[in-house]
Amino acid sequence: MSQVRAAKVGELMKHEVSQMILNELKDPRIGFVTVTKVSLTGDLREAKIYVSLMGTDEEKKASLEGLNHSLGFMRTELSKRIRLRYMPKISLCLDQSMDYSANIQALLNKVASGVE
């Protein structure tokens, strides 16, 4: 498969999953979630959905459990919205790049305040 096609399908899946989380998932455990990226294999058989979670550690854990619980619903809805011969098996991955960048920014601020 073409990497360009995998990227296009990934962007479409990212948009649709974001809309599902925002409008259709009614699980009270799910808090503030942002879909940051969707990574597809070249043959479009597996997809990793990277999500960024906000809140305390307990809230993040509960949100991730709620999202994992709704994976079947998300895959079914994706198969209705995206016309593919085979709907990829989806899995969730926690994207911690926002936490990492916040930590780096705090360190830079600490260094900058020490210099002045």
Protein backbone atom coordinates (compact mmCIF):
# COMPACT_ATOMS: atom_id res chain seq x y z
CA MET A 1 0.00 0.00 0.00
CA SER A 2 1.05 3.54 -0.56
CA GLN A 3 2.22 5.53 2.44
CA VAL A 4 0.26 8.48 1.07
CA ARG A 5 -2.97 6.49 1.20
CA ALA A 6 -2.20 5.27 4.73
CA ALA A 7 -1.60 8.88 5.79
CA LYS A 8 -4.88 10.04 4.24
CA VAL A 9 -6.87 7.24 5.87
CA GLY A 10 -5.12 7.99 9.17
CA GLU A 11 -6.13 11.65 9.02
CA LEU A 12 -9.72 10.67 8.22
CA MET A 13 -9.75 8.22 11.13
CA LYS A 14 -8.30 10.88 13.43
CA HIS A 15 -11.10 13.28 12.53
CA GLU A 16 -13.85 10.69 12.91
CA VAL A 17 -12.54 9.33 16.23
CA SER A 18 -12.27 12.89 17.57
CA GLN A 19 -15.88 13.54 16.63
CA MET A 20 -16.98 10.27 18.24
CA ILE A 21 -15.21 11.04 21.51
CA LEU A 22 -16.61 14.56 21.55
CA ASN A 23 -20.22 13.85 20.60
CA GLU A 24 -21.14 10.19 20.95
CA LEU A 25 -19.28 8.53 23.82
CA LYS A 26 -21.35 8.93 26.96
CA ASP A 27 -19.00 7.18 29.40
CA PRO A 28 -18.63 9.43 32.47
CA ARG A 29 -15.05 8.21 32.99
CA ILE A 30 -13.90 9.89 29.79
CA GLY A 31 -12.57 13.36 30.55
CA PHE A 32 -10.64 15.82 28.41
CA VAL A 33 -9.16 13.77 25.55
CA THR A 34 -7.34 14.93 22.43
CA VAL A 35 -6.57 12.63 19.53
CA THR A 36 -3.06 13.65 18.46
CA LYS A 37 -2.17 11.13 15.77
CA VAL A 38 -3.26 7.92 14.04
CA SER A 39 -0.54 5.58 12.85
CA LEU A 40 -1.51 2.93 10.30
CA THR A 41 0.50 0.00 9.03
CA GLY A 42 1.23 -0.06 5.31
CA ASP A 43 -1.40 -2.72 4.61
CA LEU A 44 -4.07 -0.83 6.63
CA ARG A 45 -4.64 -3.79 8.97
CA GLU A 46 -3.69 -2.16 12.28
CA ALA A 47 -4.10 1.37 13.56
CA LYS A 48 -2.68 2.97 16.67
CA ILE A 49 -4.64 5.95 17.92
CA TYR A 50 -2.51 8.27 20.03
CA VAL A 51 -4.46 10.25 22.64
CA SER A 52 -3.39 12.98 25.00
CA LEU A 53 -5.21 13.10 28.33
CA MET A 54 -5.57 16.01 30.74
CA GLY A 55 -6.22 15.86 34.46
CA THR A 56 -4.84 14.09 37.49
CA ASP A 57 -3.30 10.64 37.27
CA GLU A 58 -6.54 9.02 38.47
CA GLU A 59 -8.59 10.92 35.91
CA LYS A 60 -6.16 9.95 33.14
CA LYS A 61 -6.34 6.29 34.16
CA ALA A 62 -10.15 6.37 34.25
CA SER A 63 -10.32 8.11 30.86
CA LEU A 64 -8.00 5.55 29.30
CA GLU A 65 -10.08 2.69 30.75
CA GLY A 66 -13.26 4.27 29.38
CA LEU A 67 -11.71 4.71 25.95
CA ASN A 68 -10.40 1.13 25.91
CA HIS A 69 -13.87 -0.07 26.90
CA SER A 70 -15.39 1.73 23.90
CA LEU A 71 -12.92 0.46 21.25
CA GLY A 72 -15.49 -1.98 19.82
CA PHE A 73 -18.05 0.79 19.40
CA MET A 74 -15.45 3.06 17.77
CA ARG A 75 -14.38 0.36 15.30
CA THR A 76 -18.00 -0.38 14.37
CA GLU A 77 -18.75 3.31 13.84
CA LEU A 78 -15.57 3.80 11.83
CA SER A 79 -16.58 0.94 9.55
CA LYS A 80 -19.90 2.70 8.91
CA ARG A 81 -18.28 6.09 8.24
CA ILE A 82 -15.19 5.08 6.27
CA ARG A 83 -15.65 2.81 3.29
CA LEU A 84 -12.74 0.36 3.40
CA ARG A 85 -12.62 -3.27 2.42
CA TYR A 86 -11.20 -4.13 5.82
CA MET A 87 -11.48 -1.96 8.91
CA PRO A 88 -8.17 -1.89 10.77
CA LYS A 89 -7.83 -3.32 14.25
CA ILE A 90 -7.51 -0.27 16.48
CA SER A 91 -5.59 0.19 19.69
CA LEU A 92 -5.02 3.18 21.92
CA CYS A 93 -1.63 4.57 22.88
CA LEU A 94 -1.04 7.29 25.43
CA ASP A 95 0.75 10.28 23.89
CA GLN A 96 2.85 11.90 26.58
CA SER A 97 4.50 14.50 24.37
CA MET A 98 2.43 17.30 25.93
CA ASP A 99 3.56 16.31 29.43
CA TYR A 100 7.14 16.09 28.21
CA SER A 101 7.00 19.52 26.57
CA ALA A 102 5.43 21.05 29.71
CA ASN A 103 8.26 19.57 31.77
CA ILE A 104 10.89 20.98 29.39
CA GLN A 105 9.20 24.39 29.47
CA ALA A 106 9.19 24.37 33.28
CA LEU A 107 12.90 23.53 33.31
CA LEU A 108 13.65 26.32 30.82
CA ASN A 109 11.66 28.79 32.91
CA LYS A 110 13.57 27.68 36.00
CA VAL A 111 16.89 28.21 34.25
CA ALA A 112 15.79 31.59 32.83
CA SER A 113 14.67 32.86 36.22
CA GLY A 114 17.98 31.77 37.76
CA VAL A 115 19.97 33.68 35.13
CA GLU A 116 18.23 37.01 35.63
